[in-house]
PDB file of N, CA and C in Angstrom:
ATOM      1  N   UNK A   1     -39.456 -28.738  37.694  1.00  0.00           N
ATOM      2  CA  UNK A   1     -38.487 -28.783  38.376  1.00  0.00           C
ATOM      3  C   UNK A   1     -38.155 -27.927  39.830  1.00  0.00           C
ATOM      4  N   UNK A   2     -37.796 -28.749  40.556  1.00  0.00           N
ATOM      5  CA  UNK A   2     -37.278 -28.446  42.244  1.00  0.00           C
ATOM      6  C   UNK A   2     -36.137 -27.439  41.606  1.00  0.00           C
ATOM      7  N   UNK A   3     -35.406 -27.021  42.964  1.00  0.00           N
ATOM      8  CA  UNK A   3     -34.499 -25.914  42.738  1.00  0.00           C
ATOM      9  C   UNK A   3     -32.910 -27.025  42.913  1.00  0.00           C
ATOM     10  N   UNK A   4     -33.327 -27.743  43.551  1.00  0.00           N
ATOM     11  CA  UNK A   4     -32.040 -28.869  43.998  1.00  0.00           C
ATOM     12  C   UNK A   4     -31.999 -29.534  42.557  1.00  0.00           C
ATOM     13  N   UNK A   5     -32.662 -29.478  41.369  1.00  0.00           N
ATOM     14  CA  UNK A   5     -32.478 -30.082  40.790  1.00  0.00           C
ATOM     15  C   UNK A   5     -31.976 -29.459  39.511  1.00  0.00           C
ATOM     16  N   UNK A   6     -32.647 -28.079  39.753  1.00  0.00           N
ATOM     17  CA  UNK A   6     -31.949 -26.913  38.390  1.00  0.00           C
ATOM     18  C   UNK A   6     -30.667 -26.703  39.637  1.00  0.00           C
ATOM     19  N   UNK A   7     -30.243 -26.493  40.515  1.00  0.00           N
ATOM     20  CA  UNK A   7     -28.822 -26.843  40.439  1.00  0.00           C
ATOM     21  C   UNK A   7     -27.725 -27.049  40.942  1.00  0.00           C
ATOM     22  N   UNK A   8     -27.977 -28.643  39.802  1.00  0.00           N
ATOM     23  CA  UNK A   8     -28.121 -29.729  39.795  1.00  0.00           C
ATOM     24  C   UNK A   8     -27.461 -29.763  38.008  1.00  0.00           C
ATOM     25  N   UNK A   9     -28.348 -28.842  37.089  1.00  0.00           N
ATOM     26  CA  UNK A   9     -27.736 -28.443  36.374  1.00  0.00           C
ATOM     27  C   UNK A   9     -27.615 -27.723  36.098  1.00  0.00           C
ATOM     28  N   UNK A  10     -27.745 -26.614  36.126  1.00  0.00           N
ATOM     29  CA  UNK A  10     -26.098 -25.935  35.950  1.00  0.00           C
ATOM     30  C   UNK A  10     -25.124 -25.483  36.854  1.00  0.00           C
ATOM     31  N   UNK A  11     -24.853 -27.665  37.354  1.00  0.00           N
ATOM     32  CA  UNK A  11     -23.557 -27.442  38.395  1.00  0.00           C
ATOM     33  C   UNK A  11     -22.867 -28.275  37.142  1.00  0.00           C
ATOM     34  N   UNK A  12     -23.385 -29.406  36.370  1.00  0.00           N
ATOM     35  CA  UNK A  12     -23.468 -30.152  35.311  1.00  0.00           C
ATOM     36  C   UNK A  12     -22.092 -29.685  34.377  1.00  0.00           C
ATOM     37  N   UNK A  13     -21.294 -30.376  34.431  1.00  0.00           N
ATOM     38  CA  UNK A  13     -20.240 -29.936  33.256  1.00  0.00           C
ATOM     39  C   UNK A  13     -20.645 -30.283  32.152  1.00  0.00           C
ATOM     40  N   UNK A  14     -21.590 -30.703  31.885  1.00  0.00           N
ATOM     41  CA  UNK A  14     -22.170 -30.815  31.141  1.00  0.00           C
ATOM     42  C   UNK A  14     -22.794 -30.103  29.762  1.00  0.00           C
ATOM     43  N   UNK A  15     -23.224 -29.815  31.016  1.00  0.00           N
ATOM     44  CA  UNK A  15     -24.701 -28.328  30.909  1.00  0.00           C
ATOM     45  C   UNK A  15     -23.948 -27.094  30.741  1.00  0.00           C
ATOM     46  N   UNK A  16     -22.394 -27.320  31.144  1.00  0.00           N
ATOM     47  CA  UNK A  16     -21.633 -25.595  30.943  1.00  0.00           C
ATOM     48  C   UNK A  16     -21.549 -25.844  29.217  1.00  0.00           C
ATOM     49  N   UNK A  17     -20.626 -27.559  29.179  1.00  0.00           N
ATOM     50  CA  UNK A  17     -20.353 -27.524  28.010  1.00  0.00           C
ATOM     51  C   UNK A  17     -21.163 -26.942  26.973  1.00  0.00           C
ATOM     52  N   UNK A  18     -22.124 -27.031  27.158  1.00  0.00           N
ATOM     53  CA  UNK A  18     -23.817 -27.676  26.046  1.00  0.00           C
ATOM     54  C   UNK A  18     -24.037 -26.133  25.856  1.00  0.00           C
ATOM     55  N   UNK A  19     -23.751 -25.302  26.618  1.00  0.00           N
ATOM     56  CA  UNK A  19     -24.308 -23.295  26.420  1.00  0.00           C
ATOM     57  C   UNK A  19     -22.631 -23.266  26.216  1.00  0.00           C
ATOM     58  N   UNK A  20     -22.000 -23.188  26.225  1.00  0.00           N
ATOM     59  CA  UNK A  20     -21.030 -22.156  26.114  1.00  0.00           C
ATOM     60  C   UNK A  20     -20.213 -23.462  24.531  1.00  0.00           C
ATOM     61  N   UNK A  21     -20.590 -24.801  24.328  1.00  0.00           N
ATOM     62  CA  UNK A  21     -20.452 -24.336  22.997  1.00  0.00           C
ATOM     63  C   UNK A  21     -21.424 -24.061  21.949  1.00  0.00           C
ATOM     64  N   UNK A  22     -22.358 -24.087  22.431  1.00  0.00           N
ATOM     65  CA  UNK A  22     -23.567 -23.182  21.522  1.00  0.00           C
ATOM     66  C   UNK A  22     -23.919 -22.601  21.913  1.00  0.00           C
ATOM     67  N   UNK A  23     -23.121 -21.297  21.918  1.00  0.00           N
ATOM     68  CA  UNK A  23     -23.245 -20.221  22.616  1.00  0.00           C
ATOM     69  C   UNK A  23     -22.516 -19.807  21.658  1.00  0.00           C
ATOM     70  N   UNK A  24     -21.436 -19.944  21.640  1.00  0.00           N
ATOM     71  CA  UNK A  24     -19.735 -19.774  20.754  1.00  0.00           C
ATOM     72  C   UNK A  24     -20.231 -19.767  19.190  1.00  0.00           C
ATOM     73  N   UNK A  25     -20.391 -21.603  18.989  1.00  0.00           N
ATOM     74  CA  UNK A  25     -21.222 -21.332  17.310  1.00  0.00           C
ATOM     75  C   UNK A  25     -22.631 -20.675  17.003  1.00  0.00           C
ATOM     76  N   UNK A  26     -22.949 -20.383  17.852  1.00  0.00           N
ATOM     77  CA  UNK A  26     -23.625 -19.240  17.860  1.00  0.00           C
ATOM     78  C   UNK A  26     -23.515 -17.769  17.272  1.00  0.00           C
ATOM     79  N   UNK A  27     -22.460 -17.180  18.140  1.00  0.00           N
ATOM     80  CA  UNK A  27     -22.322 -16.309  17.708  1.00  0.00           C
ATOM     81  C   UNK A  27     -20.806 -16.529  16.767  1.00  0.00           C
ATOM     82  N   UNK A  28     -20.700 -17.356  16.408  1.00  0.00           N
ATOM     83  CA  UNK A  28     -19.552 -17.335  14.902  1.00  0.00           C
ATOM     84  C   UNK A  28     -20.654 -17.527  13.713  1.00  0.00           C
ATOM     85  N   UNK A  29     -21.582 -17.777  13.545  1.00  0.00           N
ATOM     86  CA  UNK A  29     -22.408 -18.231  12.805  1.00  0.00           C
ATOM     87  C   UNK A  29     -22.860 -16.544  11.897  1.00  0.00           C
ATOM     88  N   UNK A  30     -23.537 -16.645  13.577  1.00  0.00           N
ATOM     89  CA  UNK A  30     -23.971 -15.039  13.111  1.00  0.00           C
ATOM     90  C   UNK A  30     -22.587 -13.999  13.126  1.00  0.00           C
ATOM     91  N   UNK A  31     -21.645 -13.989  13.343  1.00  0.00           N
ATOM     92  CA  UNK A  31     -20.234 -12.458  12.773  1.00  0.00           C
ATOM     93  C   UNK A  31     -20.295 -13.174  11.466  1.00  0.00           C
ATOM     94  N   UNK A  32     -20.347 -14.464  10.479  1.00  0.00           N
ATOM     95  CA  UNK A  32     -20.162 -14.514   9.399  1.00  0.00           C
ATOM     96  C   UNK A  32     -21.418 -13.855   8.784  1.00  0.00           C
ATOM     97  N   UNK A  33     -22.332 -14.155   9.201  1.00  0.00           N
ATOM     98  CA  UNK A  33     -23.145 -13.316   8.304  1.00  0.00           C
ATOM     99  C   UNK A  33     -23.264 -12.072   8.509  1.00  0.00           C
ATOM    100  N   UNK A  34     -23.142 -11.821   9.092  1.00  0.00           N
ATOM    101  CA  UNK A  34     -23.419  -9.891   9.919  1.00  0.00           C
ATOM    102  C   UNK A  34     -21.593  -9.542   8.853  1.00  0.00           C
ATOM    103  N   UNK A  35     -20.895  -9.681   8.477  1.00  0.00           N
ATOM    104  CA  UNK A  35     -19.851  -9.396   7.816  1.00  0.00           C
ATOM    105  C   UNK A  35     -20.396  -9.949   6.677  1.00  0.00           C
ATOM    106  N   UNK A  36     -20.782 -10.761   6.547  1.00  0.00           N
ATOM    107  CA  UNK A  36     -21.154 -11.106   4.540  1.00  0.00           C
ATOM    108  C   UNK A  36     -22.072 -10.321   4.228  1.00  0.00           C
ATOM    109  N   UNK A  37     -23.129  -9.943   5.045  1.00  0.00           N
ATOM    110  CA  UNK A  37     -24.007  -8.674   4.747  1.00  0.00           C
ATOM    111  C   UNK A  37     -24.584  -7.351   4.588  1.00  0.00           C
ATOM    112  N   UNK A  38     -23.260  -6.802   5.610  1.00  0.00           N
ATOM    113  CA  UNK A  38     -22.799  -5.566   5.948  1.00  0.00           C
ATOM    114  C   UNK A  38     -21.505  -5.824   4.780  1.00  0.00           C
ATOM    115  N   UNK A  39     -20.764  -6.268   4.122  1.00  0.00           N
ATOM    116  CA  UNK A  39     -19.867  -6.289   3.244  1.00  0.00           C
ATOM    117  C   UNK A  39     -20.877  -5.761   2.404  1.00  0.00           C
ATOM    118  N   UNK A  40     -22.106  -6.790   2.075  1.00  0.00           N
ATOM    119  CA  UNK A  40     -22.529  -6.065   0.735  1.00  0.00           C
ATOM    120  C   UNK A  40     -23.283  -4.149   0.526  1.00  0.00           C
ATOM    121  N   UNK A  41     -24.191  -4.612   2.245  1.00  0.00           N
ATOM    122  CA  UNK A  41     -24.267  -3.048   2.228  1.00  0.00           C
ATOM    123  C   UNK A  41     -23.122  -1.962   2.586  1.00  0.00           C
ATOM    124  N   UNK A  42     -22.296  -2.353   2.559  1.00  0.00           N
ATOM    125  CA  UNK A  42     -21.186  -1.883   2.475  1.00  0.00           C
ATOM    126  C   UNK A  42     -20.861  -0.409   1.245  1.00  0.00           C
ATOM    127  N   UNK A  43     -20.788  -2.179   0.056  1.00  0.00           N
ATOM    128  CA  UNK A  43     -20.376  -1.959  -0.567  1.00  0.00           C
ATOM    129  C   UNK A  43     -21.930  -1.328  -1.548  1.00  0.00           C
ATOM    130  N   UNK A  44     -22.760  -1.290  -1.508  1.00  0.00           N
ATOM    131  CA  UNK A  44     -24.377  -0.464  -2.288  1.00  0.00           C
ATOM    132  C   UNK A  44     -23.269   0.834  -1.801  1.00  0.00           C
ATOM    133  N   UNK A  45     -23.386   0.953  -0.444  1.00  0.00           N
ATOM    134  CA  UNK A  45     -22.839   2.749  -0.289  1.00  0.00           C
ATOM    135  C   UNK A  45     -22.298   3.085  -0.627  1.00  0.00           C
ATOM    136  N   UNK A  46     -20.946   2.779  -0.795  1.00  0.00           N
ATOM    137  CA  UNK A  46     -19.458   3.574  -1.022  1.00  0.00           C
ATOM    138  C   UNK A  46     -18.905   3.174  -2.728  1.00  0.00           C
ATOM    139  N   UNK A  47     -19.902   1.974  -2.940  1.00  0.00           N
ATOM    140  CA  UNK A  47     -19.122   1.745  -4.517  1.00  0.00           C
ATOM    141  C   UNK A  47     -20.350   1.304  -5.599  1.00  0.00           C
ATOM    142  N   UNK A  48     -21.055   0.920  -5.118  1.00  0.00           N
ATOM    143  CA  UNK A  48     -22.605   0.916  -6.324  1.00  0.00           C
ATOM    144  C   UNK A  48     -22.570   0.281  -8.013  1.00  0.00           C
ATOM    145  N   UNK A  49     -21.338   1.675  -8.613  1.00  0.00           N
ATOM    146  CA  UNK A  49     -21.115   0.914  -9.572  1.00  0.00           C
ATOM    147  C   UNK A  49     -20.600  -0.419  -9.175  1.00  0.00           C
ATOM    148  N   UNK A  50     -19.659  -1.178  -8.510  1.00  0.00           N
ATOM    149  CA  UNK A  50     -19.131  -2.296  -8.684  1.00  0.00           C
ATOM    150  C   UNK A  50     -20.420  -3.118  -8.489  1.00  0.00           C
ATOM    151  N   UNK A  51     -21.161  -3.784  -7.732  1.00  0.00           N
ATOM    152  CA  UNK A  51     -22.378  -4.032  -8.421  1.00  0.00           C
ATOM    153  C   UNK A  51     -23.466  -3.696  -9.261  1.00  0.00           C
ATOM    154  N   UNK A  52     -23.277  -2.215  -9.773  1.00  0.00           N
ATOM    155  CA  UNK A  52     -24.301  -2.527 -10.855  1.00  0.00           C
ATOM    156  C   UNK A  52     -23.485  -2.781 -12.581  1.00  0.00           C
ATOM    157  N   UNK A  53     -21.887  -3.598 -12.210  1.00  0.00           N
ATOM    158  CA  UNK A  53     -21.201  -3.807 -13.567  1.00  0.00           C
ATOM    159  C   UNK A  53     -22.675  -5.057 -14.671  1.00  0.00           C
ATOM    160  N   UNK A  54     -22.602  -5.085 -15.524  1.00  0.00           N
ATOM    161  CA  UNK A  54     -23.738  -6.009 -16.248  1.00  0.00           C
ATOM    162  C   UNK A  54     -22.805  -6.805 -16.689  1.00  0.00           C
ATOM    163  N   UNK A  55     -23.760  -8.070 -16.115  1.00  0.00           N
ATOM    164  CA  UNK A  55     -22.874  -9.322 -16.892  1.00  0.00           C
ATOM    165  C   UNK A  55     -23.490 -10.119 -18.276  1.00  0.00           C
ATOM    166  N   UNK A  56     -22.925 -10.402 -19.189  1.00  0.00           N
ATOM    167  CA  UNK A  56     -22.635 -10.155 -20.036  1.00  0.00           C
ATOM    168  C   UNK A  56     -23.677  -9.012 -20.957  1.00  0.00           C
ATOM    169  N   UNK A  57     -23.869  -9.629 -22.108  1.00  0.00           N
ATOM    170  CA  UNK A  57     -24.736  -8.902 -22.565  1.00  0.00           C
ATOM    171  C   UNK A  57     -26.386  -8.234 -22.469  1.00  0.00           C
ATOM    172  N   UNK A  58     -26.298  -9.502 -21.569  1.00  0.00           N
ATOM    173  CA  UNK A  58     -28.262  -8.782 -20.926  1.00  0.00           C
ATOM    174  C   UNK A  58     -28.635  -7.845 -20.181  1.00  0.00           C
ATOM    175  N   UNK A  59     -28.920  -7.466 -19.053  1.00  0.00           N
ATOM    176  CA  UNK A  59     -29.124  -6.414 -18.586  1.00  0.00           C
ATOM    177  C   UNK A  59     -29.117  -6.919 -17.100  1.00  0.00           C
ATOM    178  N   UNK A  60     -28.577  -8.024 -16.555  1.00  0.00           N
ATOM    179  CA  UNK A  60     -28.784  -8.485 -15.062  1.00  0.00           C
ATOM    180  C   UNK A  60     -27.585  -7.913 -14.710  1.00  0.00           C
ATOM    181  N   UNK A  61     -27.539  -7.095 -13.601  1.00  0.00           N
ATOM    182  CA  UNK A  61     -26.047  -6.779 -13.503  1.00  0.00           C
ATOM    183  C   UNK A  61     -25.510  -7.599 -11.825  1.00  0.00           C
ATOM    184  N   UNK A  62     -23.993  -7.696 -11.968  1.00  0.00           N
ATOM    185  CA  UNK A  62     -23.517  -8.657 -10.640  1.00  0.00           C
ATOM    186  C   UNK A  62     -24.234  -8.786  -9.676  1.00  0.00           C
ATOM    187  N   UNK A  63     -24.691  -7.197  -9.372  1.00  0.00           N
ATOM    188  CA  UNK A  63     -24.740  -7.905  -7.831  1.00  0.00           C
ATOM    189  C   UNK A  63     -26.248  -8.140  -7.683  1.00  0.00           C
ATOM    190  N   UNK A  64     -26.832  -8.740  -8.682  1.00  0.00           N
ATOM    191  CA  UNK A  64     -28.134  -9.754  -8.544  1.00  0.00           C
ATOM    192  C   UNK A  64     -27.510 -11.071  -7.878  1.00  0.00           C
ATOM    193  N   UNK A  65     -26.531 -11.917  -8.581  1.00  0.00           N
ATOM    194  CA  UNK A  65     -26.572 -13.364  -8.350  1.00  0.00           C
ATOM    195  C   UNK A  65     -26.001 -12.944  -6.528  1.00  0.00           C
ATOM    196  N   UNK A  66     -24.591 -11.775  -6.492  1.00  0.00           N
ATOM    197  CA  UNK A  66     -24.091 -11.561  -5.052  1.00  0.00           C
ATOM    198  C   UNK A  66     -25.268 -11.391  -4.125  1.00  0.00           C
ATOM    199  N   UNK A  67     -26.670 -10.804  -4.381  1.00  0.00           N
ATOM    200  CA  UNK A  67     -27.514 -10.815  -2.902  1.00  0.00           C
ATOM    201  C   UNK A  67     -28.316 -12.558  -2.800  1.00  0.00           C
ATOM    202  N   UNK A  68     -27.694 -12.774  -3.977  1.00  0.00           N
ATOM    203  CA  UNK A  68     -28.690 -14.422  -3.973  1.00  0.00           C
ATOM    204  C   UNK A  68     -28.405 -14.959  -3.639  1.00  0.00           C
ATOM    205  N   UNK A  69     -26.517 -15.026  -3.731  1.00  0.00           N
ATOM    206  CA  UNK A  69     -25.302 -15.446  -3.179  1.00  0.00           C
ATOM    207  C   UNK A  69     -25.891 -15.860  -1.207  1.00  0.00           C
ATOM    208  N   UNK A  70     -26.163 -14.192  -0.544  1.00  0.00           N
ATOM    209  CA  UNK A  70     -25.933 -14.016   0.329  1.00  0.00           C
ATOM    210  C   UNK A  70     -27.067 -14.233   1.219  1.00  0.00           C
ATOM    211  N   UNK A  71     -28.213 -14.748   0.421  1.00  0.00           N
ATOM    212  CA  UNK A  71     -29.360 -15.999   0.768  1.00  0.00           C
ATOM    213  C   UNK A  71     -29.024 -16.599   0.888  1.00  0.00           C
ATOM    214  N   UNK A  72     -28.365 -17.299  -0.542  1.00  0.00           N
ATOM    215  CA  UNK A  72     -28.104 -19.083   0.237  1.00  0.00           C
ATOM    216  C   UNK A  72     -27.421 -19.359   1.122  1.00  0.00           C
ATOM    217  N   UNK A  73     -26.495 -18.514   1.602  1.00  0.00           N
ATOM    218  CA  UNK A  73     -25.382 -18.109   2.886  1.00  0.00           C
ATOM    219  C   UNK A  73     -25.546 -18.352   3.679  1.00  0.00           C
ATOM    220  N   UNK A  74     -27.476 -17.480   3.994  1.00  0.00           N
ATOM    221  CA  UNK A  74     -28.072 -17.446   5.270  1.00  0.00           C
ATOM    222  C   UNK A  74     -28.749 -19.281   5.364  1.00  0.00           C
ATOM    223  N   UNK A  75     -29.104 -19.434   4.636  1.00  0.00           N
ATOM    224  CA  UNK A  75     -30.123 -20.570   4.341  1.00  0.00           C
ATOM    225  C   UNK A  75     -28.246 -22.141   4.839  1.00  0.00           C
ATOM    226  N   UNK A  76     -27.029 -22.191   4.613  1.00  0.00           N
ATOM    227  CA  UNK A  76     -26.696 -22.635   4.782  1.00  0.00           C
ATOM    228  C   UNK A  76     -25.837 -22.999   6.046  1.00  0.00           C
ATOM    229  N   UNK A  77     -25.522 -21.024   6.204  1.00  0.00           N
ATOM    230  CA  UNK A  77     -25.590 -21.514   7.680  1.00  0.00           C
ATOM    231  C   UNK A  77     -26.841 -21.884   8.818  1.00  0.00           C
ATOM    232  N   UNK A  78     -28.391 -21.746   8.497  1.00  0.00           N
ATOM    233  CA  UNK A  78     -28.744 -22.104   9.154  1.00  0.00           C
ATOM    234  C   UNK A  78     -28.634 -23.623   9.220  1.00  0.00           C
ATOM    235  N   UNK A  79     -28.365 -24.613   8.017  1.00  0.00           N
ATOM    236  CA  UNK A  79     -28.637 -26.068   8.064  1.00  0.00           C
ATOM    237  C   UNK A  79     -26.519 -25.571   8.404  1.00  0.00           C
ATOM    238  N   UNK A  80     -26.075 -25.701   9.088  1.00  0.00           N
ATOM    239  CA  UNK A  80     -25.161 -26.259  10.127  1.00  0.00           C
ATOM    240  C   UNK A  80     -25.667 -25.789  10.946  1.00  0.00           C
ATOM    241  N   UNK A  81     -26.603 -24.963  11.402  1.00  0.00           N
ATOM    242  CA  UNK A  81     -25.976 -25.052  13.030  1.00  0.00           C
ATOM    243  C   UNK A  81     -27.294 -25.887  13.565  1.00  0.00           C
ATOM    244  N   UNK A  82     -28.323 -25.778  12.375  1.00  0.00           N
ATOM    245  CA  UNK A  82     -29.267 -26.889  12.937  1.00  0.00           C
ATOM    246  C   UNK A  82     -29.140 -28.585  12.771  1.00  0.00           C
ATOM    247  N   UNK A  83     -27.943 -28.806  11.843  1.00  0.00           N
ATOM    248  CA  UNK A  83     -26.828 -29.828  12.346  1.00  0.00           C
ATOM    249  C   UNK A  83     -25.633 -30.632  13.123  1.00  0.00           C
ATOM    250  N   UNK A  84     -25.507 -29.261  13.661  1.00  0.00           N
ATOM    251  CA  UNK A  84     -24.367 -29.981  14.791  1.00  0.00           C
ATOM    252  C   UNK A  84     -25.822 -29.531  16.157  1.00  0.00           C
ATOM    253  N   UNK A  85     -26.881 -28.594  15.718  1.00  0.00           N
ATOM    254  CA  UNK A  85     -27.565 -29.003  17.256  1.00  0.00           C
ATOM    255  C   UNK A  85     -28.276 -30.445  17.088  1.00  0.00           C
ATOM    256  N   UNK A  86     -28.572 -30.307  16.287  1.00  0.00           N
ATOM    257  CA  UNK A  86     -29.392 -31.960  16.024  1.00  0.00           C
ATOM    258  C   UNK A  86     -28.841 -33.359  16.679  1.00  0.00           C
ATOM    259  N   UNK A  87     -27.246 -32.717  15.871  1.00  0.00           N
ATOM    260  CA  UNK A  87     -26.563 -34.023  16.268  1.00  0.00           C
ATOM    261  C   UNK A  87     -25.909 -33.227  18.090  1.00  0.00           C
ATOM    262  N   UNK A  88     -24.368 -32.708  17.845  1.00  0.00           N
ATOM    263  CA  UNK A  88     -24.009 -33.041  19.271  1.00  0.00           C
ATOM    264  C   UNK A  88     -24.576 -32.583  20.163  1.00  0.00           C
ATOM    265  N   UNK A  89     -25.415 -31.279  20.167  1.00  0.00           N
ATOM    266  CA  UNK A  89     -25.861 -30.073  21.046  1.00  0.00           C
ATOM    267  C   UNK A  89     -26.835 -31.074  21.835  1.00  0.00           C
ATOM    268  N   UNK A  90     -27.772 -31.641  20.822  1.00  0.00           N
ATOM    269  CA  UNK A  90     -28.810 -32.508  21.523  1.00  0.00           C
ATOM    270  C   UNK A  90     -28.199 -34.115  21.838  1.00  0.00           C
ATOM    271  N   UNK A  91     -27.503 -34.592  21.308  1.00  0.00           N
ATOM    272  CA  UNK A  91     -26.777 -35.438  22.248  1.00  0.00           C
ATOM    273  C   UNK A  91     -25.908 -35.506  24.216  1.00  0.00           C
ATOM    274  N   UNK A  92     -25.490 -34.014  23.936  1.00  0.00           N
ATOM    275  CA  UNK A  92     -25.654 -32.909  25.349  1.00  0.00           C
ATOM    276  C   UNK A  92     -26.732 -33.291  25.236  1.00  0.00           C
ATOM    277  N   UNK A  93     -27.686 -32.567  25.066  1.00  0.00           N
ATOM    278  CA  UNK A  93     -28.602 -32.954  26.223  1.00  0.00           C
ATOM    279  C   UNK A  93     -29.163 -33.553  26.893  1.00  0.00           C
ATOM    280  N   UNK A  94     -29.196 -34.587  25.685  1.00  0.00           N
ATOM    281  CA  UNK A  94     -29.572 -36.266  26.004  1.00  0.00           C
ATOM    282  C   UNK A  94     -29.153 -36.710  27.873  1.00  0.00           C
ATOM    283  N   UNK A  95     -27.737 -36.421  27.206  1.00  0.00           N
ATOM    284  CA  UNK A  95     -26.528 -36.178  28.355  1.00  0.00           C
ATOM    285  C   UNK A  95     -27.059 -36.478  30.111  1.00  0.00           C
ATOM    286  N   UNK A  96     -27.709 -34.931  29.722  1.00  0.00           N
ATOM    287  CA  UNK A  96     -27.670 -33.773  31.544  1.00  0.00           C
ATOM    288  C   UNK A  96     -29.218 -34.267  31.443  1.00  0.00           C
ATOM    289  N   UNK A  97     -30.437 -34.666  30.244  1.00  0.00           N
ATOM    290  CA  UNK A  97     -31.771 -34.919  30.841  1.00  0.00           C
ATOM    291  C   UNK A  97     -31.068 -36.219  31.798  1.00  0.00           C
ATOM    292  N   UNK A  98     -30.236 -37.492  31.228  1.00  0.00           N
ATOM    293  CA  UNK A  98     -30.116 -38.889  31.580  1.00  0.00           C
ATOM    294  C   UNK A  98     -30.033 -38.651  33.220  1.00  0.00           C
ATOM    295  N   UNK A  99     -28.911 -37.606  32.979  1.00  0.00           N
ATOM    296  CA  UNK A  99     -28.575 -37.510  34.502  1.00  0.00           C
ATOM    297  C   UNK A  99     -29.370 -37.040  35.973  1.00  0.00           C
ATOM    298  N   UNK A 100     -30.360 -35.926  34.951  1.00  0.00           N
ATOM    299  CA  UNK A 100     -30.928 -35.491  35.917  1.00  0.00           C
ATOM    300  C   UNK A 100     -32.195 -36.690  36.764  1.00  0.00           C
ATOM    301  N   UNK A 101     -32.655 -37.558  36.007  1.00  0.00           N
ATOM    302  CA  UNK A 101     -33.447 -38.590  35.497  1.00  0.00           C
ATOM    303  C   UNK A 101     -33.027 -39.253  36.848  1.00  0.00           C
ATOM    304  N   UNK A 102     -31.291 -39.245  36.941  1.00  0.00           N
ATOM    305  CA  UNK A 102     -31.092 -40.576  38.619  1.00  0.00           C
ATOM    306  C   UNK A 102     -31.436 -39.811  39.671  1.00  0.00           C
ATOM    307  N   UNK A 103     -31.306 -38.291  39.174  1.00  0.00           N
ATOM    308  CA  UNK A 103     -31.751 -37.793  40.646  1.00  0.00           C
ATOM    309  C   UNK A 103     -32.612 -37.479  40.817  1.00  0.00           C
ATOM    310  N   UNK A 104     -33.441 -37.903  40.423  1.00  0.00           N
ATOM    311  CA  UNK A 104     -34.814 -37.439  40.651  1.00  0.00           C
ATOM    312  C   UNK A 104     -35.236 -38.698  41.538  1.00  0.00           C
TER     313      UNK A 104
END
């Protein structure tokens, strides 16, 4: 790419929208995951007996399903990001590429 093409892409409102929305969305999902994870870790640190409550008559405690739920939440958040990236973000990226082809 030439410097002119790079400047055209940087100044393209669709590219700026893509970067802004993708960054905001990624940070939002990251913050959600960090809050969930650190809430679990802080619960372990400050009130471990809460996660040590037994479920029924067995030996499994409530901490195990909560830990598994955190892993599942991570997969779900990843899926949410991939879905939006493959639809909205890819469409904006495609539009920017098409506009770049027009000036090349």
